[in-house]
Amino acid sequence: MRISDSCVSAEDIKRECDADSLFAYLQMGLGVMIVKNKEWIGYIDWHSVYLGDDLLITKVVIYGDEEESRRLTEKFRSKILIYSYRDNIT
């Protein structure tokens, strides 16, 4: 299996969710929030793996849309979230 098959970029998730950004303060226990027009439209549940630096996606939730949440969860479950400096994940 290729490493890239085990990962998903934040850009791909934002495109799938029609979102502007991802936002999280992991040290405070906040999950990864999905943001559109400066409002939270959903979140990503995750587990920290390896040395605590990688985020393994367990569930994607879009508020008010169970079907879309289920589709996104199936697509991204068990993938490592790869984010960049443009994402506000600290």
PDB file of N, CA and C in Angstrom:
ATOM      1  N   MET A   1       0.841  -1.178   0.000  1.00  0.00           N
ATOM      2  CA  MET A   1       0.000   0.000   0.000  1.00  0.00           C
ATOM      3  C   MET A   1       0.886   1.243   0.000  1.00  0.00           C
ATOM      4  N   ARG A   2       0.547   2.186  -0.834  1.00  0.00           N
ATOM      5  CA  ARG A   2       1.294   3.439  -0.882  1.00  0.00           C
ATOM      6  C   ARG A   2       0.953   4.307   0.327  1.00  0.00           C
ATOM      7  N   ILE A   3       1.933   5.050   0.796  1.00  0.00           N
ATOM      8  CA  ILE A   3       1.701   5.945   1.928  1.00  0.00           C
ATOM      9  C   ILE A   3       0.600   6.936   1.596  1.00  0.00           C
ATOM     10  N   SER A   4       0.581   7.440   0.367  1.00  0.00           N
ATOM     11  CA  SER A   4      -0.427   8.432  -0.012  1.00  0.00           C
ATOM     12  C   SER A   4      -1.846   7.870   0.075  1.00  0.00           C
ATOM     13  N   ASP A   5      -2.011   6.556  -0.035  1.00  0.00           N
ATOM     14  CA  ASP A   5      -3.337   5.948   0.107  1.00  0.00           C
ATOM     15  C   ASP A   5      -3.824   5.984   1.552  1.00  0.00           C
ATOM     16  N   SER A   6      -2.915   6.173   2.496  1.00  0.00           N
ATOM     17  CA  SER A   6      -3.264   6.209   3.913  1.00  0.00           C
ATOM     18  C   SER A   6      -3.490   7.623   4.421  1.00  0.00           C
ATOM     19  N   CYS A   7      -3.361   8.609   3.541  1.00  0.00           N
ATOM     20  CA  CYS A   7      -3.430  10.008   3.953  1.00  0.00           C
ATOM     21  C   CYS A   7      -4.490  10.762   3.157  1.00  0.00           C
ATOM     22  N   VAL A   8      -4.926  11.880   3.716  1.00  0.00           N
ATOM     23  CA  VAL A   8      -5.808  12.806   3.011  1.00  0.00           C
ATOM     24  C   VAL A   8      -5.366  14.219   3.378  1.00  0.00           C
ATOM     25  N   SER A   9      -5.338  15.087   2.400  1.00  0.00           N
ATOM     26  CA  SER A   9      -4.917  16.461   2.675  1.00  0.00           C
ATOM     27  C   SER A   9      -6.110  17.284   3.156  1.00  0.00           C
ATOM     28  N   ALA A  10      -5.820  18.298   3.933  1.00  0.00           N
ATOM     29  CA  ALA A  10      -6.853  19.215   4.399  1.00  0.00           C
ATOM     30  C   ALA A  10      -7.541  19.878   3.212  1.00  0.00           C
ATOM     31  N   GLU A  11      -6.795  20.117   2.150  1.00  0.00           N
ATOM     32  CA  GLU A  11      -7.375  20.741   0.953  1.00  0.00           C
ATOM     33  C   GLU A  11      -8.462  19.851   0.353  1.00  0.00           C
ATOM     34  N   ASP A  12      -8.241  18.552   0.325  1.00  0.00           N
ATOM     35  CA  ASP A  12      -9.254  17.629  -0.204  1.00  0.00           C
ATOM     36  C   ASP A  12     -10.509  17.638   0.660  1.00  0.00           C
ATOM     37  N   ILE A  13     -10.326  17.660   1.963  1.00  0.00           N
ATOM     38  CA  ILE A  13     -11.480  17.694   2.864  1.00  0.00           C
ATOM     39  C   ILE A  13     -12.242  18.998   2.693  1.00  0.00           C
ATOM     40  N   LYS A  14     -11.535  20.113   2.622  1.00  0.00           N
ATOM     41  CA  LYS A  14     -12.212  21.398   2.433  1.00  0.00           C
ATOM     42  C   LYS A  14     -12.991  21.412   1.122  1.00  0.00           C
ATOM     43  N   ARG A  15     -12.426  20.869   0.080  1.00  0.00           N
ATOM     44  CA  ARG A  15     -13.111  20.828  -1.219  1.00  0.00           C
ATOM     45  C   ARG A  15     -14.368  19.955  -1.125  1.00  0.00           C
ATOM     46  N   GLU A  16     -14.261  18.795  -0.494  1.00  0.00           N
ATOM     47  CA  GLU A  16     -15.414  17.892  -0.360  1.00  0.00           C
ATOM     48  C   GLU A  16     -16.541  18.517   0.471  1.00  0.00           C
ATOM     49  N   CYS A  17     -16.172  19.333   1.469  1.00  0.00           N
ATOM     50  CA  CYS A  17     -17.160  19.938   2.368  1.00  0.00           C
ATOM     51  C   CYS A  17     -17.578  21.336   1.928  1.00  0.00           C
ATOM     52  N   ASP A  18     -16.997  21.826   0.843  1.00  0.00           N
ATOM     53  CA  ASP A  18     -17.227  23.199   0.383  1.00  0.00           C
ATOM     54  C   ASP A  18     -16.930  24.186   1.522  1.00  0.00           C
ATOM     55  N   ALA A  19     -15.816  23.952   2.210  1.00  0.00           N
ATOM     56  CA  ALA A  19     -15.434  24.761   3.370  1.00  0.00           C
ATOM     57  C   ALA A  19     -14.288  25.706   3.018  1.00  0.00           C
ATOM     58  N   ASP A  20     -14.115  26.716   3.859  1.00  0.00           N
ATOM     59  CA  ASP A  20     -13.040  27.689   3.672  1.00  0.00           C
ATOM     60  C   ASP A  20     -11.760  27.279   4.387  1.00  0.00           C
ATOM     61  N   SER A  21     -11.908  26.664   5.571  1.00  0.00           N
ATOM     62  CA  SER A  21     -10.713  26.341   6.354  1.00  0.00           C
ATOM     63  C   SER A  21     -11.017  25.265   7.392  1.00  0.00           C
ATOM     64  N   LEU A  22      -9.942  24.758   7.976  1.00  0.00           N
ATOM     65  CA  LEU A  22     -10.028  23.876   9.135  1.00  0.00           C
ATOM     66  C   LEU A  22      -9.391  24.617  10.298  1.00  0.00           C
ATOM     67  N   PHE A  23      -9.910  24.400  11.510  1.00  0.00           N
ATOM     68  CA  PHE A  23      -9.479  25.155  12.674  1.00  0.00           C
ATOM     69  C   PHE A  23      -9.459  24.231  13.882  1.00  0.00           C
ATOM     70  N   ALA A  24      -8.381  24.290  14.665  1.00  0.00           N
ATOM     71  CA  ALA A  24      -8.324  23.476  15.888  1.00  0.00           C
ATOM     72  C   ALA A  24      -7.270  24.012  16.842  1.00  0.00           C
ATOM     73  N   TYR A  25      -7.549  23.902  18.128  1.00  0.00           N
ATOM     74  CA  TYR A  25      -6.555  24.094  19.180  1.00  0.00           C
ATOM     75  C   TYR A  25      -6.451  22.763  19.904  1.00  0.00           C
ATOM     76  N   LEU A  26      -5.603  21.894  19.397  1.00  0.00           N
ATOM     77  CA  LEU A  26      -5.531  20.533  19.914  1.00  0.00           C
ATOM     78  C   LEU A  26      -5.077  20.490  21.364  1.00  0.00           C
ATOM     79  N   GLN A  27      -4.219  21.437  21.777  1.00  0.00           N
ATOM     80  CA  GLN A  27      -3.735  21.437  23.158  1.00  0.00           C
ATOM     81  C   GLN A  27      -4.864  21.693  24.149  1.00  0.00           C
ATOM     82  N   MET A  28      -5.913  22.386  23.707  1.00  0.00           N
ATOM     83  CA  MET A  28      -7.044  22.689  24.585  1.00  0.00           C
ATOM     84  C   MET A  28      -8.128  21.622  24.498  1.00  0.00           C
ATOM     85  N   GLY A  29      -7.897  20.596  23.683  1.00  0.00           N
ATOM     86  CA  GLY A  29      -8.862  19.522  23.568  1.00  0.00           C
ATOM     87  C   GLY A  29      -9.951  19.751  22.540  1.00  0.00           C
ATOM     88  N   LEU A  30      -9.874  20.865  21.804  1.00  0.00           N
ATOM     89  CA  LEU A  30     -10.862  21.104  20.758  1.00  0.00           C
ATOM     90  C   LEU A  30     -10.551  20.237  19.557  1.00  0.00           C
ATOM     91  N   GLY A  31     -11.574  19.702  18.950  1.00  0.00           N
ATOM     92  CA  GLY A  31     -11.384  18.906  17.747  1.00  0.00           C
ATOM     93  C   GLY A  31     -11.102  19.792  16.550  1.00  0.00           C
ATOM     94  N   VAL A  32     -10.998  19.164  15.402  1.00  0.00           N
ATOM     95  CA  VAL A  32     -10.759  19.895  14.162  1.00  0.00           C
ATOM     96  C   VAL A  32     -12.114  20.347  13.634  1.00  0.00           C
ATOM     97  N   MET A  33     -12.326  21.660  13.615  1.00  0.00           N
ATOM     98  CA  MET A  33     -13.587  22.228  13.162  1.00  0.00           C
ATOM     99  C   MET A  33     -13.511  22.542  11.673  1.00  0.00           C
ATOM    100  N   ILE A  34     -14.613  22.320  10.969  1.00  0.00           N
ATOM    101  CA  ILE A  34     -14.725  22.641   9.551  1.00  0.00           C
ATOM    102  C   ILE A  34     -15.455  23.976   9.472  1.00  0.00           C
ATOM    103  N   VAL A  35     -14.837  24.965   8.806  1.00  0.00           N
ATOM    104  CA  VAL A  35     -15.337  26.339   8.824  1.00  0.00           C
ATOM    105  C   VAL A  35     -15.702  26.810   7.418  1.00  0.00           C
ATOM    106  N   LYS A  36     -16.884  27.444   7.320  1.00  0.00           N
ATOM    107  CA  LYS A  36     -17.316  28.073   6.071  1.00  0.00           C
ATOM    108  C   LYS A  36     -17.958  29.405   6.422  1.00  0.00           C
ATOM    109  N   ASN A  37     -17.554  30.458   5.747  1.00  0.00           N
ATOM    110  CA  ASN A  37     -18.071  31.806   6.013  1.00  0.00           C
ATOM    111  C   ASN A  37     -17.978  32.166   7.496  1.00  0.00           C
ATOM    112  N   LYS A  38     -16.859  31.812   8.116  1.00  0.00           N
ATOM    113  CA  LYS A  38     -16.558  32.110   9.520  1.00  0.00           C
ATOM    114  C   LYS A  38     -17.511  31.445  10.513  1.00  0.00           C
ATOM    115  N   GLU A  39     -18.181  30.372  10.085  1.00  0.00           N
ATOM    116  CA  GLU A  39     -19.053  29.609  10.974  1.00  0.00           C
ATOM    117  C   GLU A  39     -18.661  28.143  10.927  1.00  0.00           C
ATOM    118  N   TRP A  40     -18.793  27.465  12.070  1.00  0.00           N
ATOM    119  CA  TRP A  40     -18.507  26.039  12.116  1.00  0.00           C
ATOM    120  C   TRP A  40     -19.641  25.304  11.431  1.00  0.00           C
ATOM    121  N   ILE A  41     -19.309  24.493  10.419  1.00  0.00           N
ATOM    122  CA  ILE A  41     -20.339  23.709   9.733  1.00  0.00           C
ATOM    123  C   ILE A  41     -20.227  22.228  10.089  1.00  0.00           C
ATOM    124  N   GLY A  42     -19.192  21.877  10.828  1.00  0.00           N
ATOM    125  CA  GLY A  42     -18.989  20.491  11.223  1.00  0.00           C
ATOM    126  C   GLY A  42     -17.652  20.303  11.904  1.00  0.00           C
ATOM    127  N   TYR A  43     -17.284  19.052  12.114  1.00  0.00           N
ATOM    128  CA  TYR A  43     -16.011  18.762  12.779  1.00  0.00           C
ATOM    129  C   TYR A  43     -15.487  17.402  12.350  1.00  0.00           C
ATOM    130  N   ILE A  44     -14.222  17.166  12.663  1.00  0.00           N
ATOM    131  CA  ILE A  44     -13.564  15.898  12.385  1.00  0.00           C
ATOM    132  C   ILE A  44     -13.141  15.287  13.716  1.00  0.00           C
ATOM    133  N   ASP A  45     -13.640  14.090  14.006  1.00  0.00           N
ATOM    134  CA  ASP A  45     -13.162  13.332  15.170  1.00  0.00           C
ATOM    135  C   ASP A  45     -11.892  12.609  14.760  1.00  0.00           C
ATOM    136  N   TRP A  46     -10.953  12.483  15.677  1.00  0.00           N
ATOM    137  CA  TRP A  46      -9.657  11.897  15.334  1.00  0.00           C
ATOM    138  C   TRP A  46      -9.042  11.240  16.555  1.00  0.00           C
ATOM    139  N   HIS A  47      -8.028  10.433  16.300  1.00  0.00           N
ATOM    140  CA  HIS A  47      -7.166   9.855  17.335  1.00  0.00           C
ATOM    141  C   HIS A  47      -5.742  10.245  17.000  1.00  0.00           C
ATOM    142  N   SER A  48      -4.956  10.521  18.020  1.00  0.00           N
ATOM    143  CA  SER A  48      -3.539  10.822  17.816  1.00  0.00           C
ATOM    144  C   SER A  48      -2.779   9.505  17.778  1.00  0.00           C
ATOM    145  N   VAL A  49      -1.916   9.373  16.787  1.00  0.00           N
ATOM    146  CA  VAL A  49      -1.175   8.115  16.627  1.00  0.00           C
ATOM    147  C   VAL A  49       0.311   8.380  16.485  1.00  0.00           C
ATOM    148  N   TYR A  50       1.058   7.316  16.498  1.00  0.00           N
ATOM    149  CA  TYR A  50       2.510   7.346  16.370  1.00  0.00           C
ATOM    150  C   TYR A  50       3.113   8.194  17.480  1.00  0.00           C
ATOM    151  N   LEU A  51       3.798   9.259  17.173  1.00  0.00           N
ATOM    152  CA  LEU A  51       4.454  10.070  18.203  1.00  0.00           C
ATOM    153  C   LEU A  51       3.578  11.231  18.655  1.00  0.00           C
ATOM    154  N   GLY A  52       2.295  11.150  18.387  1.00  0.00           N
ATOM    155  CA  GLY A  52       1.390  12.210  18.800  1.00  0.00           C
ATOM    156  C   GLY A  52       1.275  13.331  17.799  1.00  0.00           C
ATOM    157  N   ASP A  53       1.936  13.211  16.668  1.00  0.00           N
ATOM    158  CA  ASP A  53       1.899  14.269  15.663  1.00  0.00           C
ATOM    159  C   ASP A  53       0.862  14.028  14.581  1.00  0.00           C
ATOM    160  N   ASP A  54       0.468  12.795  14.365  1.00  0.00           N
ATOM    161  CA  ASP A  54      -0.453  12.467  13.284  1.00  0.00           C
ATOM    162  C   ASP A  54      -1.883  12.399  13.800  1.00  0.00           C
ATOM    163  N   LEU A  55      -2.813  12.868  12.980  1.00  0.00           N
ATOM    164  CA  LEU A  55      -4.225  12.814  13.322  1.00  0.00           C
ATOM    165  C   LEU A  55      -4.900  11.776  12.437  1.00  0.00           C
ATOM    166  N   LEU A  56      -5.374  10.709  13.039  1.00  0.00           N
ATOM    167  CA  LEU A  56      -6.061   9.649  12.318  1.00  0.00           C
ATOM    168  C   LEU A  56      -7.566   9.930  12.389  1.00  0.00           C
ATOM    169  N   ILE A  57      -8.192  10.128  11.241  1.00  0.00           N
ATOM    170  CA  ILE A  57      -9.607  10.494  11.187  1.00  0.00           C
ATOM    171  C   ILE A  57     -10.470   9.287  11.556  1.00  0.00           C
ATOM    172  N   THR A  58     -11.410   9.506  12.485  1.00  0.00           N
ATOM    173  CA  THR A  58     -12.353   8.452  12.846  1.00  0.00           C
ATOM    174  C   THR A  58     -13.769   8.766  12.365  1.00  0.00           C
ATOM    175  N   LYS A  59     -14.110  10.062  12.266  1.00  0.00           N
ATOM    176  CA  LYS A  59     -15.460  10.433  11.855  1.00  0.00           C
ATOM    177  C   LYS A  59     -15.459  11.873  11.348  1.00  0.00           C
ATOM    178  N   VAL A  60     -16.281  12.143  10.333  1.00  0.00           N
ATOM    179  CA  VAL A  60     -16.497  13.503   9.837  1.00  0.00           C
ATOM    180  C   VAL A  60     -17.978  13.810  10.025  1.00  0.00           C
ATOM    181  N   VAL A  61     -18.281  14.935  10.675  1.00  0.00           N
ATOM    182  CA  VAL A  61     -19.667  15.316  10.940  1.00  0.00           C
ATOM    183  C   VAL A  61     -19.941  16.673  10.308  1.00  0.00           C
ATOM    184  N   ILE A  62     -21.007  16.732   9.507  1.00  0.00           N
ATOM    185  CA  ILE A  62     -21.512  17.993   8.971  1.00  0.00           C
ATOM    186  C   ILE A  62     -22.841  18.233   9.674  1.00  0.00           C
ATOM    187  N   TYR A  63     -22.946  19.346  10.397  1.00  0.00           N
ATOM    188  CA  TYR A  63     -24.149  19.626  11.175  1.00  0.00           C
ATOM    189  C   TYR A  63     -25.389  19.633  10.281  1.00  0.00           C
ATOM    190  N   GLY A  64     -26.431  18.921  10.710  1.00  0.00           N
ATOM    191  CA  GLY A  64     -27.704  18.919  10.007  1.00  0.00           C
ATOM    192  C   GLY A  64     -27.753  18.094   8.734  1.00  0.00           C
ATOM    193  N   ASP A  65     -26.727  17.306   8.456  1.00  0.00           N
ATOM    194  CA  ASP A  65     -26.715  16.514   7.222  1.00  0.00           C
ATOM    195  C   ASP A  65     -26.117  15.134   7.501  1.00  0.00           C
ATOM    196  N   GLU A  66     -26.959  14.234   7.998  1.00  0.00           N
ATOM    197  CA  GLU A  66     -26.484  12.891   8.360  1.00  0.00           C
ATOM    198  C   GLU A  66     -25.953  12.116   7.170  1.00  0.00           C
ATOM    199  N   GLU A  67     -26.618  12.247   6.032  1.00  0.00           N
ATOM    200  CA  GLU A  67     -26.198  11.505   4.844  1.00  0.00           C
ATOM    201  C   GLU A  67     -24.803  11.940   4.385  1.00  0.00           C
ATOM    202  N   GLU A  68     -24.566  13.237   4.361  1.00  0.00           N
ATOM    203  CA  GLU A  68     -23.249  13.751   3.963  1.00  0.00           C
ATOM    204  C   GLU A  68     -22.190  13.357   4.991  1.00  0.00           C
ATOM    205  N   SER A  69     -22.542  13.394   6.263  1.00  0.00           N
ATOM    206  CA  SER A  69     -21.614  12.973   7.316  1.00  0.00           C
ATOM    207  C   SER A  69     -21.209  11.519   7.128  1.00  0.00           C
ATOM    208  N   ARG A  70     -22.168  10.680   6.838  1.00  0.00           N
ATOM    209  CA  ARG A  70     -21.898   9.259   6.619  1.00  0.00           C
ATOM    210  C   ARG A  70     -20.997   9.055   5.397  1.00  0.00           C
ATOM    211  N   ARG A  71     -21.298   9.773   4.304  1.00  0.00           N
ATOM    212  CA  ARG A  71     -20.497   9.651   3.084  1.00  0.00           C
ATOM    213  C   ARG A  71     -19.049  10.076   3.324  1.00  0.00           C
ATOM    214  N   LEU A  72     -18.867  11.221   3.992  1.00  0.00           N
ATOM    215  CA  LEU A  72     -17.515  11.722   4.257  1.00  0.00           C
ATOM    216  C   LEU A  72     -16.763  10.819   5.228  1.00  0.00           C
ATOM    217  N   THR A  73     -17.462  10.296   6.228  1.00  0.00           N
ATOM    218  CA  THR A  73     -16.825   9.379   7.177  1.00  0.00           C
ATOM    219  C   THR A  73     -16.332   8.133   6.456  1.00  0.00           C
ATOM    220  N   GLU A  74     -17.171   7.562   5.607  1.00  0.00           N
ATOM    221  CA  GLU A  74     -16.758   6.374   4.851  1.00  0.00           C
ATOM    222  C   GLU A  74     -15.556   6.672   3.959  1.00  0.00           C
ATOM    223  N   LYS A  75     -15.525   7.845   3.375  1.00  0.00           N
ATOM    224  CA  LYS A  75     -14.441   8.205   2.458  1.00  0.00           C
ATOM    225  C   LYS A  75     -13.115   8.447   3.180  1.00  0.00           C
ATOM    226  N   PHE A  76     -13.168   9.082   4.360  1.00  0.00           N
ATOM    227  CA  PHE A  76     -11.944   9.521   5.030  1.00  0.00           C
ATOM    228  C   PHE A  76     -11.573   8.738   6.287  1.00  0.00           C
ATOM    229  N   ARG A  77     -12.403   7.828   6.752  1.00  0.00           N
ATOM    230  CA  ARG A  77     -12.114   7.068   7.978  1.00  0.00           C
ATOM    231  C   ARG A  77     -10.775   6.340   7.857  1.00  0.00           C
ATOM    232  N   SER A  78     -10.016   6.387   8.934  1.00  0.00           N
ATOM    233  CA  SER A  78      -8.718   5.703   9.064  1.00  0.00           C
ATOM    234  C   SER A  78      -7.618   6.306   8.199  1.00  0.00           C
ATOM    235  N   LYS A  79      -7.825   7.509   7.717  1.00  0.00           N
ATOM    236  CA  LYS A  79      -6.772   8.193   6.959  1.00  0.00           C
ATOM    237  C   LYS A  79      -6.096   9.220   7.866  1.00  0.00           C
ATOM    238  N   ILE A  80      -4.834   9.471   7.609  1.00  0.00           N
ATOM    239  CA  ILE A  80      -4.076  10.464   8.364  1.00  0.00           C
ATOM    240  C   ILE A  80      -4.304  11.824   7.727  1.00  0.00           C
ATOM    241  N   LEU A  81      -4.700  12.803   8.532  1.00  0.00           N
ATOM    242  CA  LEU A  81      -4.945  14.155   8.043  1.00  0.00           C
ATOM    243  C   LEU A  81      -3.619  14.886   7.872  1.00  0.00           C
ATOM    244  N   ILE A  82      -3.367  15.345   6.659  1.00  0.00           N
ATOM    245  CA  ILE A  82      -2.166  16.119   6.351  1.00  0.00           C
ATOM    246  C   ILE A  82      -2.591  17.574   6.195  1.00  0.00           C
ATOM    247  N   TYR A  83      -2.080  18.434   7.052  1.00  0.00           N
ATOM    248  CA  TYR A  83      -2.454  19.848   6.978  1.00  0.00           C
ATOM    249  C   TYR A  83      -1.212  20.689   6.759  1.00  0.00           C
ATOM    250  N   SER A  84      -1.417  21.936   6.377  1.00  0.00           N
ATOM    251  CA  SER A  84      -0.304  22.826   6.071  1.00  0.00           C
ATOM    252  C   SER A  84      -0.368  24.067   6.953  1.00  0.00           C
ATOM    253  N   TYR A  85       0.561  24.975   6.736  1.00  0.00           N
ATOM    254  CA  TYR A  85       0.605  26.208   7.522  1.00  0.00           C
ATOM    255  C   TYR A  85      -0.653  27.050   7.318  1.00  0.00           C
ATOM    256  N   ARG A  86      -1.363  26.862   6.202  1.00  0.00           N
ATOM    257  CA  ARG A  86      -2.580  27.644   5.940  1.00  0.00           C
ATOM    258  C   ARG A  86      -3.725  27.231   6.846  1.00  0.00           C
ATOM    259  N   ASP A  87      -3.682  26.013   7.346  1.00  0.00           N
ATOM    260  CA  ASP A  87      -4.714  25.543   8.260  1.00  0.00           C
ATOM    261  C   ASP A  87      -4.315  25.948   9.674  1.00  0.00           C
ATOM    262  N   ASN A  88      -5.282  26.382  10.447  1.00  0.00           N
ATOM    263  CA  ASN A  88      -5.009  26.848  11.804  1.00  0.00           C
ATOM    264  C   ASN A  88      -5.172  25.683  12.779  1.00  0.00           C
ATOM    265  N   ILE A  89      -4.230  24.737  12.710  1.00  0.00           N
ATOM    266  CA  ILE A  89      -4.263  23.562  13.586  1.00  0.00           C
ATOM    267  C   ILE A  89      -3.008  23.587  14.445  1.00  0.00           C
ATOM    268  N   THR A  90      -3.190  23.868  15.731  1.00  0.00           N
ATOM    269  CA  THR A  90      -2.044  23.975  16.636  1.00  0.00           C
ATOM    270  C   THR A  90      -2.225  23.092  17.847  1.00  0.00           C
TER     271      THR A  90
END
